[in-house]
Amino acid sequence: MISKLEAEMSEMRGKYYEAVHYIRQLHLAYPDAVDANPVTDELEQDF
């Protein structure tokens, strides 16, 4: 049970950081998009 939850958390963590990386790349490619689509305070520390 615990090992299954750990595996699911690890998978979710990986997907989260893939999404953060993708958004960061978009912000670098399109700096004007940051003003139109700001990052929420909860995610700010990951950027």
N, C-alpha and C. Protein backbone atom coordinates (compact mmCIF):
# COMPACT_ATOMS: atom_id res chain seq x y z
N MET A 1 0.83 -1.20 0.00
CA MET A 1 0.00 0.00 0.00
C MET A 1 0.87 1.26 0.00
N ILE A 2 1.82 1.33 0.93
CA ILE A 2 2.69 2.51 1.02
C ILE A 2 3.56 2.63 -0.23
N SER A 3 4.09 1.52 -0.70
CA SER A 3 4.96 1.57 -1.88
C SER A 3 4.18 2.02 -3.11
N LYS A 4 2.90 1.64 -3.19
CA LYS A 4 2.06 2.08 -4.31
C LYS A 4 1.86 3.60 -4.25
N LEU A 5 1.60 4.12 -3.07
CA LEU A 5 1.43 5.57 -2.91
C LEU A 5 2.72 6.31 -3.22
N GLU A 6 3.85 5.76 -2.78
CA GLU A 6 5.14 6.39 -3.09
C GLU A 6 5.38 6.43 -4.59
N ALA A 7 5.04 5.35 -5.28
CA ALA A 7 5.21 5.30 -6.73
C ALA A 7 4.31 6.34 -7.42
N GLU A 8 3.07 6.45 -6.96
CA GLU A 8 2.15 7.43 -7.54
C GLU A 8 2.63 8.85 -7.27
N MET A 9 3.12 9.11 -6.07
CA MET A 9 3.64 10.45 -5.74
C MET A 9 4.86 10.78 -6.59
N SER A 10 5.72 9.80 -6.79
CA SER A 10 6.90 10.02 -7.62
C SER A 10 6.50 10.35 -9.06
N GLU A 11 5.51 9.64 -9.57
CA GLU A 11 5.03 9.90 -10.93
C GLU A 11 4.42 11.29 -11.03
N MET A 12 3.62 11.67 -10.04
CA MET A 12 2.99 12.99 -10.04
C MET A 12 4.04 14.09 -9.94
N ARG A 13 5.06 13.87 -9.11
CA ARG A 13 6.13 14.84 -8.95
C ARG A 13 6.86 15.03 -10.28
N GLY A 14 7.09 13.95 -11.00
CA GLY A 14 7.75 14.03 -12.30
C GLY A 14 6.92 14.82 -13.30
N LYS A 15 5.63 14.56 -13.33
CA LYS A 15 4.74 15.29 -14.24
C LYS A 15 4.68 16.76 -13.88
N TYR A 16 4.69 17.07 -12.59
CA TYR A 16 4.65 18.46 -12.13
C TYR A 16 5.88 19.21 -12.63
N TYR A 17 7.06 18.61 -12.45
CA TYR A 17 8.28 19.30 -12.86
C TYR A 17 8.41 19.37 -14.37
N GLU A 18 7.84 18.43 -15.10
CA GLU A 18 7.79 18.55 -16.56
C GLU A 18 6.94 19.75 -16.95
N ALA A 19 5.81 19.92 -16.28
CA ALA A 19 4.92 21.06 -16.57
C ALA A 19 5.60 22.38 -16.22
N VAL A 20 6.29 22.42 -15.08
CA VAL A 20 7.01 23.64 -14.69
C VAL A 20 8.07 23.97 -15.72
N HIS A 21 8.81 22.97 -16.18
CA HIS A 21 9.85 23.19 -17.19
C HIS A 21 9.23 23.72 -18.48
N TYR A 22 8.11 23.14 -18.90
CA TYR A 22 7.44 23.57 -20.12
C TYR A 22 6.99 25.03 -20.02
N ILE A 23 6.38 25.38 -18.90
CA ILE A 23 5.91 26.76 -18.71
C ILE A 23 7.10 27.72 -18.67
N ARG A 24 8.18 27.32 -18.01
CA ARG A 24 9.38 28.16 -17.96
C ARG A 24 9.92 28.40 -19.37
N GLN A 25 9.95 27.36 -20.19
CA GLN A 25 10.43 27.51 -21.56
C GLN A 25 9.53 28.45 -22.36
N LEU A 26 8.23 28.36 -22.16
CA LEU A 26 7.31 29.27 -22.84
C LEU A 26 7.54 30.71 -22.41
N HIS A 27 7.77 30.92 -21.13
CA HIS A 27 8.02 32.28 -20.65
C HIS A 27 9.32 32.83 -21.20
N LEU A 28 10.32 31.99 -21.37
CA LEU A 28 11.57 32.45 -21.96
C LEU A 28 11.40 32.77 -23.44
N ALA A 29 10.61 31.97 -24.13
CA ALA A 29 10.40 32.17 -25.56
C ALA A 29 9.47 33.35 -25.85
N TYR A 30 8.51 33.57 -24.97
CA TYR A 30 7.51 34.63 -25.16
C TYR A 30 7.41 35.47 -23.89
N PRO A 31 8.36 36.38 -23.67
CA PRO A 31 8.36 37.17 -22.42
C PRO A 31 7.09 37.98 -22.20
N ASP A 32 6.44 38.41 -23.27
CA ASP A 32 5.20 39.18 -23.12
C ASP A 32 4.08 38.34 -22.53
N ALA A 33 4.17 37.04 -22.68
CA ALA A 33 3.13 36.15 -22.16
C ALA A 33 3.12 36.13 -20.63
N VAL A 34 4.23 36.47 -20.01
CA VAL A 34 4.29 36.48 -18.55
C VAL A 34 3.33 37.52 -17.99
N ASP A 35 3.25 38.67 -18.64
CA ASP A 35 2.33 39.71 -18.18
C ASP A 35 0.87 39.29 -18.38
N ALA A 36 0.60 38.63 -19.49
CA ALA A 36 -0.76 38.20 -19.78
C ALA A 36 -1.17 36.99 -18.95
N ASN A 37 -0.21 36.12 -18.64
CA ASN A 37 -0.48 34.88 -17.89
C ASN A 37 0.52 34.74 -16.75
N PRO A 38 0.35 35.50 -15.69
CA PRO A 38 1.33 35.44 -14.59
C PRO A 38 1.30 34.10 -13.87
N VAL A 39 2.41 33.79 -13.24
CA VAL A 39 2.54 32.57 -12.44
C VAL A 39 1.94 32.84 -11.07
N THR A 40 1.15 31.90 -10.56
CA THR A 40 0.54 32.08 -9.25
C THR A 40 1.61 32.05 -8.16
N ASP A 41 1.30 32.63 -7.02
CA ASP A 41 2.25 32.69 -5.91
C ASP A 41 2.69 31.31 -5.44
N GLU A 42 1.79 30.33 -5.51
CA GLU A 42 2.12 28.99 -5.06
C GLU A 42 3.21 28.36 -5.92
N LEU A 43 3.24 28.71 -7.20
CA LEU A 43 4.22 28.14 -8.12
C LEU A 43 5.47 28.99 -8.26
N GLU A 44 5.43 30.21 -7.79
CA GLU A 44 6.52 31.15 -8.00
C GLU A 44 7.86 30.59 -7.53
N GLN A 45 7.89 29.87 -6.43
CA GLN A 45 9.15 29.36 -5.91
C GLN A 45 9.77 28.32 -6.84
N ASP A 46 8.98 27.67 -7.68
CA ASP A 46 9.50 26.67 -8.60
C ASP A 46 10.03 27.29 -9.89
N PHE A 47 9.73 28.57 -10.10
CA PHE A 47 10.23 29.25 -11.28
C PHE A 47 11.42 30.09 -10.89
